[in-house]
Amino acid sequence: FMVEISYNIKSLEWNKNLPSYKKCISNSVNQTFKVIKFSSNNEVSISFLLTSNREIKLLNQRYRNKNKPTNVLSFPMNEKIENKNYLGDVVIACEKIIDESYEQNIKKYKYLSKMTIHGVLHLLGYKHDTDSQFKKMNLIEKNILKEIYK
C-alpha cells in the first residue's frame, strides 16, 4: 500500500529551522508503518499541519483544555473515502521541536522523527493513558527510531 502525506505549512520557522522537514517526516511515517507491520488494502492518507507555538496552543486549549503550546497533536479520522483511508491530521509546532530537542540534547531532526512517530501512532489508536500503555508505546517509538537512525 502507499502512504500519501500532505503538508500544510503555517509557519515560516519550518523552512528556516528545519528545511528538510518533508524528507524527515515522510521517512518517519514510512518506517512507522513498516515496523508495526501495518497493512491496508487501500491507499493511506495522513495530513500534517506544521505550525507555530501560538497556533498549537490555541488547538491544545480548544481540544484538550490545556492552555499551553505542546509538541504534537493528533486528530484521528479513520474515514474511508473513495478507496483512500484518511487516518487523520498530525499537528507539530516548530519552536517546540527546536526547544525540546535542545533541552533533551537530541538532534533536531531526530526529535522531529520522534514526534512524527508519536503523532502517527496516535492516529493508529495507540494511547499512553496508563503506565503499561505508555511503556508499550514508548518501546515501539524507540524501535522505529532505531530503524531510522541506524
C-alpha atoms as a PDB file:
ATOM      1  CA  PHE A   1       0.000   0.000   0.000  1.00  0.00           C
ATOM      2  CA  MET A   2       1.016   3.603  -0.420  1.00  0.00           C
ATOM      3  CA  VAL A   3       1.056   6.377   2.135  1.00  0.00           C
ATOM      4  CA  GLU A   4       0.036   9.768   0.853  1.00  0.00           C
ATOM      5  CA  ILE A   5       1.313  12.607   3.019  1.00  0.00           C
ATOM      6  CA  SER A   6       0.071  16.145   2.633  1.00  0.00           C
ATOM      7  CA  TYR A   7       1.637  19.182   4.243  1.00  0.00           C
ATOM      8  CA  ASN A   8       0.066  22.443   5.312  1.00  0.00           C
ATOM      9  CA  ILE A   9       2.800  24.838   6.431  1.00  0.00           C
ATOM     10  CA  LYS A  10       1.539  27.655   8.624  1.00  0.00           C
ATOM     11  CA  SER A  11       4.838  28.998   9.938  1.00  0.00           C
ATOM     12  CA  LEU A  12       7.951  30.318   8.209  1.00  0.00           C
ATOM     13  CA  GLU A  13      10.019  28.858  11.045  1.00  0.00           C
ATOM     14  CA  TRP A  14       9.866  25.441   9.378  1.00  0.00           C
ATOM     15  CA  ASN A  15      11.795  26.434   6.267  1.00  0.00           C
ATOM     16  CA  LYS A  16      14.209  28.459   8.373  1.00  0.00           C
ATOM     17  CA  ASN A  17      14.957  25.932  11.141  1.00  0.00           C
ATOM     18  CA  LEU A  18      14.102  22.526   9.680  1.00  0.00           C
ATOM     19  CA  PRO A  19      14.370  22.896   5.890  1.00  0.00           C
ATOM     20  CA  SER A  20      14.451  19.099   5.308  1.00  0.00           C
ATOM     21  CA  TYR A  21      11.247  18.517   7.280  1.00  0.00           C
ATOM     22  CA  LYS A  22       9.456  16.726   4.405  1.00  0.00           C
ATOM     23  CA  LYS A  23      12.189  14.138   3.984  1.00  0.00           C
ATOM     24  CA  CYS A  24      12.369  13.604   7.737  1.00  0.00           C
ATOM     25  CA  ILE A  25       8.605  13.318   8.244  1.00  0.00           C
ATOM     26  CA  SER A  26       7.911  11.063   5.252  1.00  0.00           C
ATOM     27  CA  ASN A  27      10.768   8.744   6.212  1.00  0.00           C
ATOM     28  CA  SER A  28       9.459   8.586   9.794  1.00  0.00           C
ATOM     29  CA  VAL A  29       5.905   7.856   8.623  1.00  0.00           C
ATOM     30  CA  ASN A  30       7.028   5.079   6.267  1.00  0.00           C
ATOM     31  CA  GLN A  31       9.266   3.462   8.883  1.00  0.00           C
ATOM     32  CA  THR A  32       6.425   3.568  11.422  1.00  0.00           C
ATOM     33  CA  PHE A  33       4.137   1.578   9.119  1.00  0.00           C
ATOM     34  CA  LYS A  34       6.944  -0.835   8.312  1.00  0.00           C
ATOM     35  CA  VAL A  35       7.981  -1.538  11.907  1.00  0.00           C
ATOM     36  CA  ILE A  36       4.452  -2.042  13.235  1.00  0.00           C
ATOM     37  CA  LYS A  37       3.685  -4.167  10.145  1.00  0.00           C
ATOM     38  CA  PHE A  38       0.654  -2.081   9.237  1.00  0.00           C
ATOM     39  CA  SER A  39      -1.189  -3.225   6.143  1.00  0.00           C
ATOM     40  CA  SER A  40      -4.072  -1.796   4.202  1.00  0.00           C
ATOM     41  CA  ASN A  41      -5.907  -2.691   1.021  1.00  0.00           C
ATOM     42  CA  ASN A  42      -6.312   0.999   0.330  1.00  0.00           C
ATOM     43  CA  GLU A  43      -4.028   3.962  -0.065  1.00  0.00           C
ATOM     44  CA  VAL A  44      -3.477   5.573   3.326  1.00  0.00           C
ATOM     45  CA  SER A  45      -3.509   9.342   3.728  1.00  0.00           C
ATOM     46  CA  ILE A  46      -2.124  11.494   6.557  1.00  0.00           C
ATOM     47  CA  SER A  47      -2.151  15.244   6.716  1.00  0.00           C
ATOM     48  CA  PHE A  48       0.491  17.276   8.580  1.00  0.00           C
ATOM     49  CA  LEU A  49      -0.140  20.790   9.829  1.00  0.00           C
ATOM     50  CA  LEU A  50       3.260  22.319  10.519  1.00  0.00           C
ATOM     51  CA  THR A  51       2.724  25.332  12.647  1.00  0.00           C
ATOM     52  CA  SER A  52       3.886  27.640  15.442  1.00  0.00           C
ATOM     53  CA  ASN A  53       3.668  27.526  19.231  1.00  0.00           C
ATOM     54  CA  ARG A  54       0.977  30.201  19.086  1.00  0.00           C
ATOM     55  CA  GLU A  55      -1.347  28.183  16.863  1.00  0.00           C
ATOM     56  CA  ILE A  56      -0.779  24.811  18.548  1.00  0.00           C
ATOM     57  CA  LYS A  57      -1.506  26.474  21.898  1.00  0.00           C
ATOM     58  CA  LEU A  58      -4.939  27.523  20.578  1.00  0.00           C
ATOM     59  CA  LEU A  59      -5.637  23.990  19.320  1.00  0.00           C
ATOM     60  CA  ASN A  60      -4.411  22.462  22.595  1.00  0.00           C
ATOM     61  CA  GLN A  61      -6.728  24.800  24.502  1.00  0.00           C
ATOM     62  CA  ARG A  62      -9.715  24.099  22.256  1.00  0.00           C
ATOM     63  CA  TYR A  63      -9.410  20.310  22.044  1.00  0.00           C
ATOM     64  CA  ARG A  64      -7.597  19.290  25.221  1.00  0.00           C
ATOM     65  CA  ASN A  65      -8.386  22.150  27.578  1.00  0.00           C
ATOM     66  CA  LYS A  66      -4.675  22.805  28.117  1.00  0.00           C
ATOM     67  CA  ASN A  67      -3.703  26.434  27.713  1.00  0.00           C
ATOM     68  CA  LYS A  68      -0.109  25.919  26.612  1.00  0.00           C
ATOM     69  CA  PRO A  69       1.825  25.005  23.493  1.00  0.00           C
ATOM     70  CA  THR A  70       2.629  21.328  23.005  1.00  0.00           C
ATOM     71  CA  ASN A  71       4.959  19.473  20.619  1.00  0.00           C
ATOM     72  CA  VAL A  72       2.436  17.319  18.731  1.00  0.00           C
ATOM     73  CA  LEU A  73      -1.330  16.866  18.479  1.00  0.00           C
ATOM     74  CA  SER A  74      -3.135  14.075  16.646  1.00  0.00           C
ATOM     75  CA  PHE A  75      -6.654  14.153  15.299  1.00  0.00           C
ATOM     76  CA  PRO A  76      -7.615  10.629  14.198  1.00  0.00           C
ATOM     77  CA  MET A  77     -10.243  10.415  11.462  1.00  0.00           C
ATOM     78  CA  ASN A  78     -10.021   6.898  10.108  1.00  0.00           C
ATOM     79  CA  GLU A  79     -12.509   7.503   7.324  1.00  0.00           C
ATOM     80  CA  LYS A  80     -12.615   5.673   4.059  1.00  0.00           C
ATOM     81  CA  ILE A  81     -13.346   7.936   1.116  1.00  0.00           C
ATOM     82  CA  GLU A  82     -13.102   6.590  -2.443  1.00  0.00           C
ATOM     83  CA  ASN A  83     -10.628   3.760  -1.734  1.00  0.00           C
ATOM     84  CA  LYS A  84      -8.478   6.013   0.402  1.00  0.00           C
ATOM     85  CA  ASN A  85      -8.136   5.554   4.128  1.00  0.00           C
ATOM     86  CA  TYR A  86      -7.811   9.007   5.710  1.00  0.00           C
ATOM     87  CA  LEU A  87      -6.096   8.361   9.032  1.00  0.00           C
ATOM     88  CA  GLY A  88      -6.236  11.972  10.205  1.00  0.00           C
ATOM     89  CA  ASP A  89      -4.134  15.010  10.998  1.00  0.00           C
ATOM     90  CA  VAL A  90      -0.909  15.459  12.911  1.00  0.00           C
ATOM     91  CA  VAL A  91      -0.059  18.970  14.112  1.00  0.00           C
ATOM     92  CA  ILE A  92       3.546  19.816  15.028  1.00  0.00           C
ATOM     93  CA  ALA A  93       4.932  23.114  16.361  1.00  0.00           C
ATOM     94  CA  CYS A  94       8.357  24.093  15.083  1.00  0.00           C
ATOM     95  CA  GLU A  95       9.579  26.136  18.082  1.00  0.00           C
ATOM     96  CA  LYS A  96       8.588  23.361  20.456  1.00  0.00           C
ATOM     97  CA  ILE A  97      10.575  20.824  18.409  1.00  0.00           C
ATOM     98  CA  ILE A  98      13.633  23.084  18.404  1.00  0.00           C
ATOM     99  CA  ASP A  99      13.372  23.954  22.134  1.00  0.00           C
ATOM    100  CA  GLU A 100      12.706  20.422  23.376  1.00  0.00           C
ATOM    101  CA  SER A 101      15.371  18.833  21.191  1.00  0.00           C
ATOM    102  CA  TYR A 102      17.846  21.320  22.685  1.00  0.00           C
ATOM    103  CA  GLU A 103      16.624  20.695  26.260  1.00  0.00           C
ATOM    104  CA  GLN A 104      16.800  16.918  25.788  1.00  0.00           C
ATOM    105  CA  ASN A 105      20.071  17.073  23.867  1.00  0.00           C
ATOM    106  CA  ILE A 106      18.653  15.239  20.840  1.00  0.00           C
ATOM    107  CA  LYS A 107      19.440  16.295  17.278  1.00  0.00           C
ATOM    108  CA  LYS A 108      16.511  18.340  15.988  1.00  0.00           C
ATOM    109  CA  TYR A 109      15.670  16.073  13.047  1.00  0.00           C
ATOM    110  CA  LYS A 110      15.792  13.010  15.267  1.00  0.00           C
ATOM    111  CA  TYR A 111      13.404  14.746  17.649  1.00  0.00           C
ATOM    112  CA  LEU A 112      11.113  15.685  14.748  1.00  0.00           C
ATOM    113  CA  SER A 113      11.142  11.994  13.777  1.00  0.00           C
ATOM    114  CA  LYS A 114      10.263  11.023  17.344  1.00  0.00           C
ATOM    115  CA  MET A 115       7.308  13.442  17.451  1.00  0.00           C
ATOM    116  CA  THR A 116       6.143  12.364  13.979  1.00  0.00           C
ATOM    117  CA  ILE A 117       6.183   8.704  15.041  1.00  0.00           C
ATOM    118  CA  HIS A 118       4.339   9.612  18.244  1.00  0.00           C
ATOM    119  CA  GLY A 119       1.648  11.500  16.327  1.00  0.00           C
ATOM    120  CA  VAL A 120       1.190   8.748  13.736  1.00  0.00           C
ATOM    121  CA  LEU A 121       0.898   6.052  16.422  1.00  0.00           C
ATOM    122  CA  HIS A 122      -1.910   8.096  17.994  1.00  0.00           C
ATOM    123  CA  LEU A 123      -3.690   8.157  14.619  1.00  0.00           C
ATOM    124  CA  LEU A 124      -3.409   4.359  14.597  1.00  0.00           C
ATOM    125  CA  GLY A 125      -5.089   4.077  18.003  1.00  0.00           C
ATOM    126  CA  TYR A 126      -2.087   3.868  20.315  1.00  0.00           C
ATOM    127  CA  LYS A 127      -2.558   5.617  23.646  1.00  0.00           C
ATOM    128  CA  HIS A 128      -0.481   6.360  26.723  1.00  0.00           C
ATOM    129  CA  ASP A 129      -3.132   6.945  29.392  1.00  0.00           C
ATOM    130  CA  THR A 130      -1.889   4.136  31.617  1.00  0.00           C
ATOM    131  CA  ASP A 131       1.617   3.166  32.632  1.00  0.00           C
ATOM    132  CA  SER A 132       1.589  -0.037  30.592  1.00  0.00           C
ATOM    133  CA  GLN A 133       0.234   1.762  27.502  1.00  0.00           C
ATOM    134  CA  PHE A 134       2.958   4.373  27.931  1.00  0.00           C
ATOM    135  CA  LYS A 135       5.688   1.711  28.179  1.00  0.00           C
ATOM    136  CA  LYS A 136       4.374  -0.146  25.147  1.00  0.00           C
ATOM    137  CA  MET A 137       4.088   2.983  23.004  1.00  0.00           C
ATOM    138  CA  ASN A 138       7.493   4.221  24.139  1.00  0.00           C
ATOM    139  CA  LEU A 139       9.127   0.909  23.215  1.00  0.00           C
ATOM    140  CA  ILE A 140       7.568   0.960  19.738  1.00  0.00           C
ATOM    141  CA  GLU A 141       8.754   4.561  19.237  1.00  0.00           C
ATOM    142  CA  LYS A 142      12.286   3.606  20.267  1.00  0.00           C
ATOM    143  CA  ASN A 143      12.318   0.642  17.862  1.00  0.00           C
ATOM    144  CA  ILE A 144      11.166   2.801  14.967  1.00  0.00           C
ATOM    145  CA  LEU A 145      13.746   5.491  15.757  1.00  0.00           C
ATOM    146  CA  LYS A 146      16.440   2.813  15.853  1.00  0.00           C
ATOM    147  CA  GLU A 147      15.438   1.751  12.326  1.00  0.00           C
ATOM    148  CA  ILE A 148      15.672   5.306  11.028  1.00  0.00           C
ATOM    149  CA  TYR A 149      18.918   6.276  12.771  1.00  0.00           C
ATOM    150  CA  LYS A 150      20.956   3.107  12.412  1.00  0.00           C
END
